Amino acid sequence: EAYTMAKAEAKNAFTSDVVYMEKYLQKPRHIEM
């Protein structure tokens, strides 16, 4: 379901439906530099 929905959302929002995958960290903080 995740693969299908992500591709559909990507196509609708960004015209390209190319997706990739990353490990999902369960309790991270978002730090930017």
PDB file of all heavy atoms in Angstrom:
ATOM      1  N   GLU A   1       0.830  -1.204   0.000  1.00  0.00           N
ATOM      2  CA  GLU A   1       0.000   0.000   0.000  1.00  0.00           C
ATOM      3  C   GLU A   1       0.866   1.256   0.000  1.00  0.00           C
ATOM      4  O   GLU A   1       0.592   2.227  -0.718  1.00  0.00           O
ATOM      5  CB  GLU A   1      -0.916   0.005   1.228  1.00  0.00           C
ATOM      6  CG  GLU A   1      -1.868   1.201   1.267  1.00  0.00           C
ATOM      7  CD  GLU A   1      -2.813   1.157   2.453  1.00  0.00           C
ATOM      8  OE1 GLU A   1      -2.684   0.238   3.284  1.00  0.00           O
ATOM      9  OE2 GLU A   1      -3.662   2.055   2.558  1.00  0.00           O
ATOM     10  N   ALA A   2       1.934   1.253   0.795  1.00  0.00           N
ATOM     11  CA  ALA A   2       2.814   2.425   0.905  1.00  0.00           C
ATOM     12  C   ALA A   2       3.453   2.766  -0.434  1.00  0.00           C
ATOM     13  O   ALA A   2       3.516   3.939  -0.827  1.00  0.00           O
ATOM     14  CB  ALA A   2       3.893   2.176   1.956  1.00  0.00           C
ATOM     15  N   TYR A   3       3.926   1.751  -1.139  1.00  0.00           N
ATOM     16  CA  TYR A   3       4.574   1.963  -2.433  1.00  0.00           C
ATOM     17  C   TYR A   3       3.594   2.587  -3.435  1.00  0.00           C
ATOM     18  O   TYR A   3       3.898   3.576  -4.098  1.00  0.00           O
ATOM     19  CB  TYR A   3       5.102   0.630  -2.966  1.00  0.00           C
ATOM     20  CG  TYR A   3       5.690   0.712  -4.358  1.00  0.00           C
ATOM     21  CD1 TYR A   3       6.975   1.195  -4.572  1.00  0.00           C
ATOM     22  CD2 TYR A   3       4.944   0.297  -5.475  1.00  0.00           C
ATOM     23  CE1 TYR A   3       7.504   1.272  -5.855  1.00  0.00           C
ATOM     24  CE2 TYR A   3       5.465   0.378  -6.758  1.00  0.00           C
ATOM     25  CZ  TYR A   3       6.750   0.863  -6.943  1.00  0.00           C
ATOM     26  OH  TYR A   3       7.272   0.937  -8.212  1.00  0.00           O
ATOM     27  N   THR A   4       2.395   2.020  -3.522  1.00  0.00           N
ATOM     28  CA  THR A   4       1.385   2.498  -4.465  1.00  0.00           C
ATOM     29  C   THR A   4       0.949   3.927  -4.144  1.00  0.00           C
ATOM     30  O   THR A   4       0.863   4.784  -5.036  1.00  0.00           O
ATOM     31  CB  THR A   4       0.157   1.567  -4.451  1.00  0.00           C
ATOM     32  OG1 THR A   4       0.572   0.230  -4.753  1.00  0.00           O
ATOM     33  CG2 THR A   4      -0.876   2.007  -5.470  1.00  0.00           C
ATOM     34  N   MET A   5       0.705   4.201  -2.866  1.00  0.00           N
ATOM     35  CA  MET A   5       0.227   5.527  -2.462  1.00  0.00           C
ATOM     36  C   MET A   5       1.321   6.591  -2.622  1.00  0.00           C
ATOM     37  O   MET A   5       1.049   7.716  -3.056  1.00  0.00           O
ATOM     38  CB  MET A   5      -0.266   5.484  -1.012  1.00  0.00           C
ATOM     39  CG  MET A   5      -1.547   4.686  -0.826  1.00  0.00           C
ATOM     40  SD  MET A   5      -2.120   4.674   0.889  1.00  0.00           S
ATOM     41  CE  MET A   5      -2.564   6.397   1.111  1.00  0.00           C
ATOM     42  N   ALA A   6       2.559   6.220  -2.285  1.00  0.00           N
ATOM     43  CA  ALA A   6       3.659   7.176  -2.411  1.00  0.00           C
ATOM     44  C   ALA A   6       3.872   7.563  -3.871  1.00  0.00           C
ATOM     45  O   ALA A   6       4.081   8.745  -4.193  1.00  0.00           O
ATOM     46  CB  ALA A   6       4.941   6.594  -1.825  1.00  0.00           C
ATOM     47  N   LYS A   7       3.797   6.590  -4.773  1.00  0.00           N
ATOM     48  CA  LYS A   7       3.964   6.875  -6.201  1.00  0.00           C
ATOM     49  C   LYS A   7       2.841   7.787  -6.714  1.00  0.00           C
ATOM     50  O   LYS A   7       3.087   8.725  -7.475  1.00  0.00           O
ATOM     51  CB  LYS A   7       3.992   5.560  -7.004  1.00  0.00           C
ATOM     52  CG  LYS A   7       5.325   4.841  -6.959  1.00  0.00           C
ATOM     53  CD  LYS A   7       5.313   3.589  -7.815  1.00  0.00           C
ATOM     54  CE  LYS A   7       5.416   3.876  -9.297  1.00  0.00           C
ATOM     55  NZ  LYS A   7       6.759   4.374  -9.673  1.00  0.00           N
ATOM     56  N   ALA A   8       1.630   7.503  -6.276  1.00  0.00           N
ATOM     57  CA  ALA A   8       0.488   8.305  -6.725  1.00  0.00           C
ATOM     58  C   ALA A   8       0.601   9.745  -6.218  1.00  0.00           C
ATOM     59  O   ALA A   8       0.367  10.702  -6.971  1.00  0.00           O
ATOM     60  CB  ALA A   8      -0.810   7.670  -6.236  1.00  0.00           C
ATOM     61  N   GLU A   9       0.965   9.897  -4.945  1.00  0.00           N
ATOM     62  CA  GLU A   9       1.127  11.239  -4.378  1.00  0.00           C
ATOM     63  C   GLU A   9       2.257  11.988  -5.060  1.00  0.00           C
ATOM     64  O   GLU A   9       2.165  13.184  -5.327  1.00  0.00           O
ATOM     65  CB  GLU A   9       1.399  11.155  -2.870  1.00  0.00           C
ATOM     66  CG  GLU A   9       0.154  10.999  -2.034  1.00  0.00           C
ATOM     67  CD  GLU A   9       0.446  11.159  -0.550  1.00  0.00           C
ATOM     68  OE1 GLU A   9       1.502  11.740  -0.203  1.00  0.00           O
ATOM     69  OE2 GLU A   9      -0.374  10.705   0.260  1.00  0.00           O
ATOM     70  N   ALA A  10       3.346  11.285  -5.327  1.00  0.00           N
ATOM     71  CA  ALA A  10       4.504  11.898  -5.972  1.00  0.00           C
ATOM     72  C   ALA A  10       4.140  12.388  -7.368  1.00  0.00           C
ATOM     73  O   ALA A  10       4.507  13.491  -7.767  1.00  0.00           O
ATOM     74  CB  ALA A  10       5.655  10.898  -6.038  1.00  0.00           C
ATOM     75  N   LYS A  11       3.405  11.576  -8.097  1.00  0.00           N
ATOM     76  CA  LYS A  11       2.994  11.938  -9.450  1.00  0.00           C
ATOM     77  C   LYS A  11       2.115  13.184  -9.428  1.00  0.00           C
ATOM     78  O   LYS A  11       2.277  14.106 -10.247  1.00  0.00           O
ATOM     79  CB  LYS A  11       2.235  10.770 -10.091  1.00  0.00           C
ATOM     80  CG  LYS A  11       1.756  11.021 -11.517  1.00  0.00           C
ATOM     81  CD  LYS A  11       2.913  11.079 -12.498  1.00  0.00           C
ATOM     82  CE  LYS A  11       2.429  11.176 -13.927  1.00  0.00           C
ATOM     83  NZ  LYS A  11       3.560  11.304 -14.878  1.00  0.00           N
ATOM     84  N   ASN A  12       1.217  13.227  -8.470  1.00  0.00           N
ATOM     85  CA  ASN A  12       0.278  14.345  -8.371  1.00  0.00           C
ATOM     86  C   ASN A  12       0.967  15.636  -7.936  1.00  0.00           C
ATOM     87  O   ASN A  12       0.666  16.717  -8.452  1.00  0.00           O
ATOM     88  CB  ASN A  12      -0.835  13.995  -7.382  1.00  0.00           C
ATOM     89  CG  ASN A  12      -1.877  15.085  -7.284  1.00  0.00           C
ATOM     90  OD1 ASN A  12      -2.478  15.471  -8.282  1.00  0.00           O
ATOM     91  ND2 ASN A  12      -2.103  15.592  -6.085  1.00  0.00           N
ATOM     92  N   ALA A  13       1.911  15.519  -7.001  1.00  0.00           N
ATOM     93  CA  ALA A  13       2.541  16.710  -6.438  1.00  0.00           C
ATOM     94  C   ALA A  13       3.759  17.195  -7.211  1.00  0.00           C
ATOM     95  O   ALA A  13       4.024  18.393  -7.276  1.00  0.00           O
ATOM     96  CB  ALA A  13       2.935  16.442  -4.984  1.00  0.00           C
ATOM     97  N   PHE A  14       4.514  16.250  -7.804  1.00  0.00           N
ATOM     98  CA  PHE A  14       5.790  16.632  -8.410  1.00  0.00           C
ATOM     99  C   PHE A  14       5.940  16.210  -9.873  1.00  0.00           C
ATOM    100  O   PHE A  14       7.006  16.343 -10.448  1.00  0.00           O
ATOM    101  CB  PHE A  14       6.946  16.034  -7.599  1.00  0.00           C
ATOM    102  CG  PHE A  14       6.819  16.259  -6.114  1.00  0.00           C
ATOM    103  CD1 PHE A  14       6.548  15.209  -5.254  1.00  0.00           C
ATOM    104  CD2 PHE A  14       6.946  17.533  -5.591  1.00  0.00           C
ATOM    105  CE1 PHE A  14       6.425  15.423  -3.887  1.00  0.00           C
ATOM    106  CE2 PHE A  14       6.819  17.758  -4.225  1.00  0.00           C
ATOM    107  CZ  PHE A  14       6.557  16.701  -3.366  1.00  0.00           C
ATOM    108  N   THR A  15       4.890  15.661 -10.468  1.00  0.00           N
ATOM    109  CA  THR A  15       4.839  15.166 -11.858  1.00  0.00           C
ATOM    110  C   THR A  15       5.644  13.879 -12.058  1.00  0.00           C
ATOM    111  O   THR A  15       5.325  13.072 -12.910  1.00  0.00           O
ATOM    112  CB  THR A  15       5.307  16.211 -12.900  1.00  0.00           C
ATOM    113  OG1 THR A  15       6.700  16.452 -12.752  1.00  0.00           O
ATOM    114  CG2 THR A  15       4.521  17.512 -12.753  1.00  0.00           C
ATOM    115  N   SER A  16       6.693  13.664 -11.263  1.00  0.00           N
ATOM    116  CA  SER A  16       7.467  12.417 -11.349  1.00  0.00           C
ATOM    117  C   SER A  16       7.006  11.455 -10.262  1.00  0.00           C
ATOM    118  O   SER A  16       6.834  11.850  -9.106  1.00  0.00           O
ATOM    119  CB  SER A  16       8.959  12.701 -11.169  1.00  0.00           C
ATOM    120  OG  SER A  16       9.682  11.493 -11.008  1.00  0.00           O
ATOM    121  N   ASP A  17       6.789  10.183 -10.624  1.00  0.00           N
ATOM    122  CA  ASP A  17       6.353   9.205  -9.624  1.00  0.00           C
ATOM    123  C   ASP A  17       7.499   8.310  -9.150  1.00  0.00           C
ATOM    124  O   ASP A  17       7.276   7.256  -8.547  1.00  0.00           O
ATOM    125  CB  ASP A  17       5.204   8.345 -10.170  1.00  0.00           C
ATOM    126  CG  ASP A  17       5.649   7.425 -11.301  1.00  0.00           C
ATOM    127  OD1 ASP A  17       6.791   7.577 -11.797  1.00  0.00           O
ATOM    128  OD2 ASP A  17       4.851   6.539 -11.685  1.00  0.00           O
ATOM    129  N   VAL A  18       8.742   8.716  -9.381  1.00  0.00           N
ATOM    130  CA  VAL A  18       9.897   7.930  -8.946  1.00  0.00           C
ATOM    131  C   VAL A  18      10.027   8.026  -7.424  1.00  0.00           C
ATOM    132  O   VAL A  18      10.018   9.108  -6.848  1.00  0.00           O
ATOM    133  CB  VAL A  18      11.196   8.419  -9.609  1.00  0.00           C
ATOM    134  CG1 VAL A  18      12.395   7.630  -9.095  1.00  0.00           C
ATOM    135  CG2 VAL A  18      11.090   8.292 -11.124  1.00  0.00           C
ATOM    136  N   VAL A  19      10.126   6.870  -6.784  1.00  0.00           N
ATOM    137  CA  VAL A  19      10.265   6.821  -5.329  1.00  0.00           C
ATOM    138  C   VAL A  19      11.457   5.947  -4.947  1.00  0.00           C
ATOM    139  O   VAL A  19      11.926   5.131  -5.730  1.00  0.00           O
ATOM    140  CB  VAL A  19       8.991   6.274  -4.645  1.00  0.00           C
ATOM    141  CG1 VAL A  19       7.807   7.194  -4.882  1.00  0.00           C
ATOM    142  CG2 VAL A  19       8.664   4.856  -5.125  1.00  0.00           C
ATOM    143  N   TYR A  20      11.925   6.169  -3.738  1.00  0.00           N
ATOM    144  CA  TYR A  20      12.994   5.338  -3.180  1.00  0.00           C
ATOM    145  C   TYR A  20      12.662   5.073  -1.716  1.00  0.00           C
ATOM    146  O   TYR A  20      11.598   5.469  -1.228  1.00  0.00           O
ATOM    147  CB  TYR A  20      14.353   6.024  -3.335  1.00  0.00           C
ATOM    148  CG  TYR A  20      14.528   7.266  -2.491  1.00  0.00           C
ATOM    149  CD1 TYR A  20      15.344   7.257  -1.370  1.00  0.00           C
ATOM    150  CD2 TYR A  20      13.876   8.458  -2.822  1.00  0.00           C
ATOM    151  CE1 TYR A  20      15.502   8.397  -0.585  1.00  0.00           C
ATOM    152  CE2 TYR A  20      14.024   9.591  -2.047  1.00  0.00           C
ATOM    153  CZ  TYR A  20      14.847   9.557  -0.929  1.00  0.00           C
ATOM    154  OH  TYR A  20      14.991  10.675  -0.162  1.00  0.00           O
ATOM    155  N   MET A  21      13.560   4.408  -0.998  1.00  0.00           N
ATOM    156  CA  MET A  21      13.253   3.964   0.348  1.00  0.00           C
ATOM    157  C   MET A  21      14.402   4.260   1.303  1.00  0.00           C
ATOM    158  O   MET A  21      15.568   4.229   0.914  1.00  0.00           O
ATOM    159  CB  MET A  21      13.003   2.451   0.315  1.00  0.00           C
ATOM    160  CG  MET A  21      12.642   1.808   1.639  1.00  0.00           C
ATOM    161  SD  MET A  21      12.680   0.001   1.473  1.00  0.00           S
ATOM    162  CE  MET A  21      11.534  -0.241   0.119  1.00  0.00           C
ATOM    163  N   GLU A  22      14.049   4.572   2.552  1.00  0.00           N
ATOM    164  CA  GLU A  22      15.047   4.740   3.596  1.00  0.00           C
ATOM    165  C   GLU A  22      14.596   4.032   4.870  1.00  0.00           C
ATOM    166  O   GLU A  22      13.400   3.789   5.062  1.00  0.00           O
ATOM    167  CB  GLU A  22      15.255   6.227   3.913  1.00  0.00           C
ATOM    168  CG  GLU A  22      16.011   6.998   2.860  1.00  0.00           C
ATOM    169  CD  GLU A  22      16.204   8.452   3.217  1.00  0.00           C
ATOM    170  OE1 GLU A  22      15.503   8.945   4.117  1.00  0.00           O
ATOM    171  OE2 GLU A  22      17.053   9.095   2.582  1.00  0.00           O
ATOM    172  N   LYS A  23      15.538   3.711   5.718  1.00  0.00           N
ATOM    173  CA  LYS A  23      15.221   3.163   7.024  1.00  0.00           C
ATOM    174  C   LYS A  23      14.408   4.183   7.799  1.00  0.00           C
ATOM    175  O   LYS A  23      14.713   5.385   7.787  1.00  0.00           O
ATOM    176  CB  LYS A  23      16.517   2.843   7.782  1.00  0.00           C
ATOM    177  CG  LYS A  23      16.313   2.314   9.201  1.00  0.00           C
ATOM    178  CD  LYS A  23      15.750   0.908   9.193  1.00  0.00           C
ATOM    179  CE  LYS A  23      15.623   0.372  10.633  1.00  0.00           C
ATOM    180  NZ  LYS A  23      14.967  -0.954  10.641  1.00  0.00           N
ATOM    181  N   TYR A  24      13.356   3.743   8.446  1.00  0.00           N
ATOM    182  CA  TYR A  24      12.508   4.639   9.220  1.00  0.00           C
ATOM    183  C   TYR A  24      12.993   4.660  10.662  1.00  0.00           C
ATOM    184  O   TYR A  24      12.917   3.656  11.374  1.00  0.00           O
ATOM    185  CB  TYR A  24      11.054   4.167   9.157  1.00  0.00           C
ATOM    186  CG  TYR A  24      10.081   5.016   9.936  1.00  0.00           C
ATOM    187  CD1 TYR A  24       9.821   6.332   9.560  1.00  0.00           C
ATOM    188  CD2 TYR A  24       9.400   4.509  11.045  1.00  0.00           C
ATOM    189  CE1 TYR A  24       8.930   7.112  10.264  1.00  0.00           C
ATOM    190  CE2 TYR A  24       8.491   5.283  11.752  1.00  0.00           C
ATOM    191  CZ  TYR A  24       8.263   6.580  11.353  1.00  0.00           C
ATOM    192  OH  TYR A  24       7.373   7.362  12.056  1.00  0.00           O
ATOM    193  N   LEU A  25      13.533   5.801  11.064  1.00  0.00           N
ATOM    194  CA  LEU A  25      13.987   5.961  12.442  1.00  0.00           C
ATOM    195  C   LEU A  25      12.776   6.291  13.312  1.00  0.00           C
ATOM    196  O   LEU A  25      11.979   7.160  12.959  1.00  0.00           O
ATOM    197  CB  LEU A  25      15.037   7.060  12.527  1.00  0.00           C
ATOM    198  CG  LEU A  25      16.281   6.862  11.639  1.00  0.00           C
ATOM    199  CD1 LEU A  25      17.240   8.035  11.791  1.00  0.00           C
ATOM    200  CD2 LEU A  25      16.977   5.551  11.966  1.00  0.00           C
ATOM    201  N   GLN A  26      12.661   5.636  14.462  1.00  0.00           N
ATOM    202  CA  GLN A  26      11.405   5.706  15.218  1.00  0.00           C
ATOM    203  C   GLN A  26      11.330   6.826  16.250  1.00  0.00           C
ATOM    204  O   GLN A  26      10.240   7.203  16.668  1.00  0.00           O
ATOM    205  CB  GLN A  26      11.138   4.346  15.874  1.00  0.00           C
ATOM    206  CG  GLN A  26      10.988   3.232  14.832  1.00  0.00           C
ATOM    207  CD  GLN A  26      10.448   1.950  15.414  1.00  0.00           C
ATOM    208  OE1 GLN A  26       9.329   1.919  15.928  1.00  0.00           O
ATOM    209  NE2 GLN A  26      11.218   0.877  15.331  1.00  0.00           N
ATOM    210  N   LYS A  27      12.468   7.383  16.673  1.00  0.00           N
ATOM    211  CA  LYS A  27      12.407   8.479  17.646  1.00  0.00           C
ATOM    212  C   LYS A  27      13.518   9.513  17.394  1.00  0.00           C
ATOM    213  O   LYS A  27      14.223   9.914  18.306  1.00  0.00           O
ATOM    214  CB  LYS A  27      12.518   7.939  19.072  1.00  0.00           C
ATOM    215  CG  LYS A  27      13.698   6.988  19.285  1.00  0.00           C
ATOM    216  CD  LYS A  27      13.837   6.585  20.722  1.00  0.00           C
ATOM    217  CE  LYS A  27      15.085   5.704  20.895  1.00  0.00           C
ATOM    218  NZ  LYS A  27      15.353   5.380  22.293  1.00  0.00           N
ATOM    219  N   PRO A  28      13.662   9.938  16.150  1.00  0.00           N
ATOM    220  CA  PRO A  28      14.745  10.885  15.850  1.00  0.00           C
ATOM    221  C   PRO A  28      14.359  12.334  16.108  1.00  0.00           C
ATOM    222  O   PRO A  28      13.185  12.678  16.223  1.00  0.00           O
ATOM    223  CB  PRO A  28      14.968  10.668  14.350  1.00  0.00           C
ATOM    224  CG  PRO A  28      13.586  10.387  13.848  1.00  0.00           C
ATOM    225  CD  PRO A  28      12.907   9.592  14.937  1.00  0.00           C
ATOM    226  N   ARG A  29      15.373  13.160  16.191  1.00  0.00           N
ATOM    227  CA  ARG A  29      15.183  14.608  16.163  1.00  0.00           C
ATOM    228  C   ARG A  29      15.585  15.084  14.779  1.00  0.00           C
ATOM    229  O   ARG A  29      16.380  14.439  14.092  1.00  0.00           O
ATOM    230  CB  ARG A  29      16.033  15.283  17.231  1.00  0.00           C
ATOM    231  CG  ARG A  29      15.606  14.922  18.636  1.00  0.00           C
ATOM    232  CD  ARG A  29      16.465  15.611  19.666  1.00  0.00           C
ATOM    233  NE  ARG A  29      16.004  16.977  19.908  1.00  0.00           N
ATOM    234  CZ  ARG A  29      15.467  17.389  21.070  1.00  0.00           C
ATOM    235  NH1 ARG A  29      15.286  16.537  22.062  1.00  0.00           N
ATOM    236  NH2 ARG A  29      15.101  18.652  21.231  1.00  0.00           N
ATOM    237  N   HIS A  30      15.000  16.209  14.372  1.00  0.00           N
ATOM    238  CA  HIS A  30      15.307  16.810  13.073  1.00  0.00           C
ATOM    239  C   HIS A  30      16.282  17.960  13.325  1.00  0.00           C
ATOM    240  O   HIS A  30      15.899  19.007  13.858  1.00  0.00           O
ATOM    241  CB  HIS A  30      14.021  17.312  12.425  1.00  0.00           C
ATOM    242  CG  HIS A  30      14.203  17.824  11.035  1.00  0.00           C
ATOM    243  ND1 HIS A  30      13.387  17.439   9.989  1.00  0.00           N
ATOM    244  CD2 HIS A  30      15.087  18.693  10.496  1.00  0.00           C
ATOM    245  CE1 HIS A  30      13.776  18.045   8.881  1.00  0.00           C
ATOM    246  NE2 HIS A  30      14.813  18.824   9.171  1.00  0.00           N
ATOM    247  N   ILE A  31      17.539  17.747  12.943  1.00  0.00           N
ATOM    248  CA  ILE A  31      18.580  18.745  13.136  1.00  0.00           C
ATOM    249  C   ILE A  31      19.066  19.213  11.767  1.00  0.00           C
ATOM    250  O   ILE A  31      19.354  18.391  10.898  1.00  0.00           O
ATOM    251  CB  ILE A  31      19.781  18.173  13.921  1.00  0.00           C
ATOM    252  CG1 ILE A  31      19.324  17.541  15.240  1.00  0.00           C
ATOM    253  CG2 ILE A  31      20.841  19.262  14.149  1.00  0.00           C
ATOM    254  CD1 ILE A  31      18.815  18.510  16.270  1.00  0.00           C
ATOM    255  N   GLU A  32      19.167  20.526  11.583  1.00  0.00           N
ATOM    256  CA  GLU A  32      19.649  21.035  10.307  1.00  0.00           C
ATOM    257  C   GLU A  32      20.783  22.028  10.528  1.00  0.00           C
ATOM    258  O   GLU A  32      20.850  22.702  11.567  1.00  0.00           O
ATOM    259  CB  GLU A  32      18.518  21.681   9.504  1.00  0.00           C
ATOM    260  CG  GLU A  32      17.831  22.849  10.187  1.00  0.00           C
ATOM    261  CD  GLU A  32      16.634  23.355   9.408  1.00  0.00           C
ATOM    262  OE1 GLU A  32      15.976  22.543   8.720  1.00  0.00           O
ATOM    263  OE2 GLU A  32      16.351  24.566   9.486  1.00  0.00           O
ATOM    264  N   MET A  33      21.677  22.097   9.531  1.00  0.00           N
ATOM    265  CA  MET A  33      22.835  22.986   9.609  1.00  0.00           C
ATOM    266  C   MET A  33      22.758  24.033   8.504  1.00  0.00           C
ATOM    267  O   MET A  33      22.613  23.694   7.321  1.00  0.00           O
ATOM    268  CB  MET A  33      24.135  22.201   9.445  1.00  0.00           C
ATOM    269  CG  MET A  33      24.441  21.214  10.559  1.00  0.00           C
ATOM    270  SD  MET A  33      24.708  21.976  12.179  1.00  0.00           S
ATOM    271  CE  MET A  33      25.973  23.179  11.799  1.00  0.00           C
TER     272      MET A  33
END
